[in-house]
Amino acid sequence: MTLEEFKKFDLEYTVCECFDITLGELLEAIKNGNDTLESLMDETDAGTACGLCRSVEEDEDGDRELHLDEILKFAKEN
């Protein structure tokens, strides 16, 4: 995924379907200092159920369009 592709996602986009957690909520948690996958998961519960939203590697069938590790990467770059 490129930065341009990432920027096309709306803040209301649901990243974690298990807990209905949006991109905006995740970006806010990152802004508040949760800048590792573990701390982001601890703070928001995203990625703690089925795990598909954690990373592309864990989402082998491509069920999710956006993953926590990608969000962290792009949030740190901006």
N, C-alpha and C. Protein backbone atom coordinates (compact mmCIF):
# COMPACT_ATOMS: atom_id res chain seq x y z
N MET A 1 0.85 -1.18 0.00
CA MET A 1 0.00 0.00 0.00
C MET A 1 0.89 1.24 0.00
N THR A 2 0.49 2.21 -0.79
CA THR A 2 1.22 3.47 -0.84
C THR A 2 0.58 4.50 0.08
N LEU A 3 1.30 5.58 0.33
CA LEU A 3 0.75 6.66 1.14
C LEU A 3 -0.50 7.25 0.49
N GLU A 4 -0.47 7.38 -0.82
CA GLU A 4 -1.64 7.91 -1.53
C GLU A 4 -2.86 7.02 -1.36
N GLU A 5 -2.66 5.71 -1.42
CA GLU A 5 -3.77 4.77 -1.19
C GLU A 5 -4.29 4.88 0.24
N PHE A 6 -3.37 5.02 1.18
CA PHE A 6 -3.75 5.16 2.59
C PHE A 6 -4.60 6.41 2.80
N LYS A 7 -4.21 7.50 2.19
CA LYS A 7 -4.90 8.77 2.38
C LYS A 7 -6.33 8.76 1.84
N LYS A 8 -6.68 7.79 1.02
CA LYS A 8 -8.03 7.70 0.45
C LYS A 8 -9.04 7.15 1.45
N PHE A 9 -8.55 6.56 2.54
CA PHE A 9 -9.46 6.00 3.54
C PHE A 9 -10.05 7.11 4.39
N ASP A 10 -11.35 7.06 4.58
CA ASP A 10 -12.08 8.01 5.42
C ASP A 10 -11.81 7.69 6.89
N LEU A 11 -11.82 8.69 7.73
CA LEU A 11 -11.60 8.48 9.17
C LEU A 11 -12.66 7.57 9.79
N GLU A 12 -13.82 7.48 9.16
CA GLU A 12 -14.90 6.63 9.67
C GLU A 12 -14.79 5.18 9.17
N TYR A 13 -13.76 4.89 8.38
CA TYR A 13 -13.56 3.54 7.87
C TYR A 13 -13.31 2.58 9.04
N THR A 14 -14.04 1.47 9.08
CA THR A 14 -13.89 0.49 10.14
C THR A 14 -12.71 -0.42 9.83
N VAL A 15 -11.68 -0.32 10.65
CA VAL A 15 -10.48 -1.13 10.48
C VAL A 15 -10.65 -2.47 11.19
N CYS A 16 -11.08 -2.42 12.44
CA CYS A 16 -11.29 -3.63 13.23
C CYS A 16 -12.79 -3.92 13.27
N GLU A 17 -13.18 -4.92 12.49
CA GLU A 17 -14.61 -5.26 12.42
C GLU A 17 -15.10 -5.94 13.70
N CYS A 18 -14.24 -6.65 14.39
CA CYS A 18 -14.65 -7.35 15.60
C CYS A 18 -15.13 -6.38 16.68
N PHE A 19 -14.44 -5.24 16.80
CA PHE A 19 -14.78 -4.27 17.84
C PHE A 19 -15.27 -2.94 17.28
N ASP A 20 -15.50 -2.89 15.97
CA ASP A 20 -16.04 -1.70 15.31
C ASP A 20 -15.17 -0.45 15.59
N ILE A 21 -13.87 -0.59 15.36
CA ILE A 21 -12.93 0.49 15.63
C ILE A 21 -12.53 1.14 14.30
N THR A 22 -12.65 2.45 14.27
CA THR A 22 -12.42 3.19 13.03
C THR A 22 -10.98 3.66 12.90
N LEU A 23 -10.64 4.04 11.67
CA LEU A 23 -9.33 4.62 11.39
C LEU A 23 -9.11 5.86 12.24
N GLY A 24 -10.12 6.70 12.37
CA GLY A 24 -10.00 7.91 13.18
C GLY A 24 -9.67 7.61 14.63
N GLU A 25 -10.31 6.60 15.19
CA GLU A 25 -10.03 6.22 16.58
C GLU A 25 -8.61 5.72 16.73
N LEU A 26 -8.15 4.96 15.75
CA LEU A 26 -6.79 4.43 15.80
C LEU A 26 -5.76 5.55 15.65
N LEU A 27 -6.00 6.48 14.74
CA LEU A 27 -5.08 7.61 14.57
C LEU A 27 -5.02 8.47 15.82
N GLU A 28 -6.14 8.63 16.48
CA GLU A 28 -6.17 9.40 17.74
C GLU A 28 -5.35 8.69 18.81
N ALA A 29 -5.48 7.37 18.88
CA ALA A 29 -4.71 6.60 19.86
C ALA A 29 -3.20 6.70 19.57
N ILE A 30 -2.84 6.70 18.30
CA ILE A 30 -1.43 6.85 17.92
C ILE A 30 -0.95 8.24 18.30
N LYS A 31 -1.76 9.24 18.02
CA LYS A 31 -1.43 10.63 18.36
C LYS A 31 -1.21 10.77 19.86
N ASN A 32 -1.92 9.98 20.66
CA ASN A 32 -1.81 10.03 22.11
C ASN A 32 -0.67 9.16 22.66
N GLY A 33 0.22 8.70 21.77
CA GLY A 33 1.43 8.01 22.22
C GLY A 33 1.46 6.52 22.02
N ASN A 34 0.41 5.92 21.51
CA ASN A 34 0.39 4.48 21.28
C ASN A 34 0.99 4.19 19.91
N ASP A 35 2.32 4.19 19.84
CA ASP A 35 2.99 4.13 18.55
C ASP A 35 3.66 2.78 18.25
N THR A 36 3.26 1.75 18.98
CA THR A 36 3.68 0.39 18.66
C THR A 36 2.42 -0.45 18.48
N LEU A 37 2.56 -1.55 17.79
CA LEU A 37 1.40 -2.42 17.57
C LEU A 37 0.82 -2.88 18.90
N GLU A 38 1.69 -3.26 19.82
CA GLU A 38 1.23 -3.77 21.11
C GLU A 38 0.47 -2.70 21.90
N SER A 39 1.01 -1.49 21.96
CA SER A 39 0.33 -0.45 22.74
C SER A 39 -0.96 -0.01 22.07
N LEU A 40 -0.98 0.00 20.73
CA LEU A 40 -2.20 0.35 20.00
C LEU A 40 -3.29 -0.68 20.27
N MET A 41 -2.92 -1.96 20.26
CA MET A 41 -3.88 -3.02 20.55
C MET A 41 -4.36 -2.94 21.99
N ASP A 42 -3.45 -2.68 22.93
CA ASP A 42 -3.83 -2.56 24.34
C ASP A 42 -4.80 -1.40 24.56
N GLU A 43 -4.54 -0.27 23.91
CA GLU A 43 -5.35 0.93 24.10
C GLU A 43 -6.74 0.81 23.47
N THR A 44 -6.82 0.18 22.29
CA THR A 44 -8.08 0.20 21.53
C THR A 44 -8.79 -1.15 21.45
N ASP A 45 -8.12 -2.22 21.76
CA ASP A 45 -8.60 -3.60 21.59
C ASP A 45 -8.58 -4.05 20.13
N ALA A 46 -8.27 -3.16 19.20
CA ALA A 46 -8.19 -3.55 17.80
C ALA A 46 -7.15 -4.66 17.64
N GLY A 47 -7.48 -5.64 16.83
CA GLY A 47 -6.55 -6.73 16.55
C GLY A 47 -6.45 -7.79 17.61
N THR A 48 -7.27 -7.69 18.65
CA THR A 48 -7.15 -8.65 19.76
C THR A 48 -8.13 -9.81 19.68
N ALA A 49 -9.02 -9.80 18.69
CA ALA A 49 -9.97 -10.92 18.57
C ALA A 49 -9.50 -11.85 17.44
N CYS A 50 -9.99 -11.65 16.24
CA CYS A 50 -9.63 -12.56 15.14
C CYS A 50 -8.22 -12.30 14.60
N GLY A 51 -7.73 -11.07 14.74
CA GLY A 51 -6.37 -10.75 14.33
C GLY A 51 -6.17 -10.38 12.87
N LEU A 52 -7.20 -10.46 12.06
CA LEU A 52 -7.03 -10.16 10.64
C LEU A 52 -6.62 -8.73 10.36
N CYS A 53 -6.98 -7.81 11.23
CA CYS A 53 -6.64 -6.41 10.98
C CYS A 53 -5.24 -6.04 11.45
N ARG A 54 -4.53 -6.97 12.07
CA ARG A 54 -3.18 -6.67 12.57
C ARG A 54 -2.18 -6.39 11.45
N SER A 55 -2.13 -7.28 10.45
CA SER A 55 -1.14 -7.13 9.39
C SER A 55 -1.57 -7.90 8.15
N VAL A 56 -0.96 -7.54 7.04
CA VAL A 56 -1.22 -8.24 5.78
C VAL A 56 -0.82 -9.71 5.93
N GLU A 57 0.26 -9.96 6.63
CA GLU A 57 0.74 -11.33 6.81
C GLU A 57 -0.27 -12.20 7.55
N GLU A 58 -0.95 -11.63 8.53
CA GLU A 58 -1.94 -12.38 9.29
C GLU A 58 -3.27 -12.48 8.56
N ASP A 59 -3.46 -11.62 7.56
CA ASP A 59 -4.69 -11.60 6.76
C ASP A 59 -4.41 -12.23 5.41
N GLU A 60 -4.07 -13.51 5.43
CA GLU A 60 -3.63 -14.23 4.23
C GLU A 60 -4.63 -14.19 3.09
N ASP A 61 -5.92 -14.16 3.39
CA ASP A 61 -6.94 -14.16 2.34
C ASP A 61 -7.32 -12.76 1.88
N GLY A 62 -6.72 -11.73 2.47
CA GLY A 62 -7.00 -10.36 2.07
C GLY A 62 -8.40 -9.91 2.43
N ASP A 63 -8.89 -10.35 3.57
CA ASP A 63 -10.24 -9.97 4.01
C ASP A 63 -10.35 -8.51 4.42
N ARG A 64 -9.24 -7.90 4.82
CA ARG A 64 -9.25 -6.49 5.26
C ARG A 64 -8.47 -5.64 4.27
N GLU A 65 -8.92 -4.42 4.07
CA GLU A 65 -8.23 -3.51 3.15
C GLU A 65 -7.11 -2.74 3.82
N LEU A 66 -7.21 -2.55 5.13
CA LEU A 66 -6.27 -1.74 5.88
C LEU A 66 -5.94 -2.45 7.17
N HIS A 67 -4.66 -2.40 7.55
CA HIS A 67 -4.18 -3.14 8.72
C HIS A 67 -3.47 -2.21 9.70
N LEU A 68 -3.44 -2.62 10.95
CA LEU A 68 -2.84 -1.81 12.00
C LEU A 68 -1.39 -1.47 11.71
N ASP A 69 -0.61 -2.44 11.22
CA ASP A 69 0.80 -2.15 10.96
C ASP A 69 0.97 -1.10 9.86
N GLU A 70 0.05 -1.10 8.88
CA GLU A 70 0.11 -0.08 7.83
C GLU A 70 -0.25 1.29 8.39
N ILE A 71 -1.25 1.33 9.24
CA ILE A 71 -1.66 2.61 9.85
C ILE A 71 -0.51 3.18 10.67
N LEU A 72 0.15 2.34 11.45
CA LEU A 72 1.28 2.81 12.25
C LEU A 72 2.39 3.34 11.35
N LYS A 73 2.67 2.63 10.28
CA LYS A 73 3.74 3.04 9.36
C LYS A 73 3.44 4.43 8.79
N PHE A 74 2.25 4.61 8.26
CA PHE A 74 1.92 5.88 7.62
C PHE A 74 1.72 7.01 8.63
N ALA A 75 1.25 6.68 9.81
CA ALA A 75 1.07 7.71 10.85
C ALA A 75 2.44 8.24 11.30
N LYS A 76 3.43 7.37 11.35
CA LYS A 76 4.77 7.78 11.76
C LYS A 76 5.45 8.61 10.68
N GLU A 77 5.10 8.37 9.42
CA GLU A 77 5.69 9.10 8.31
C GLU A 77 5.13 10.50 8.17
N ASN A 78 3.97 10.76 8.75
CA ASN A 78 3.32 12.06 8.60
C ASN A 78 3.32 12.86 9.87
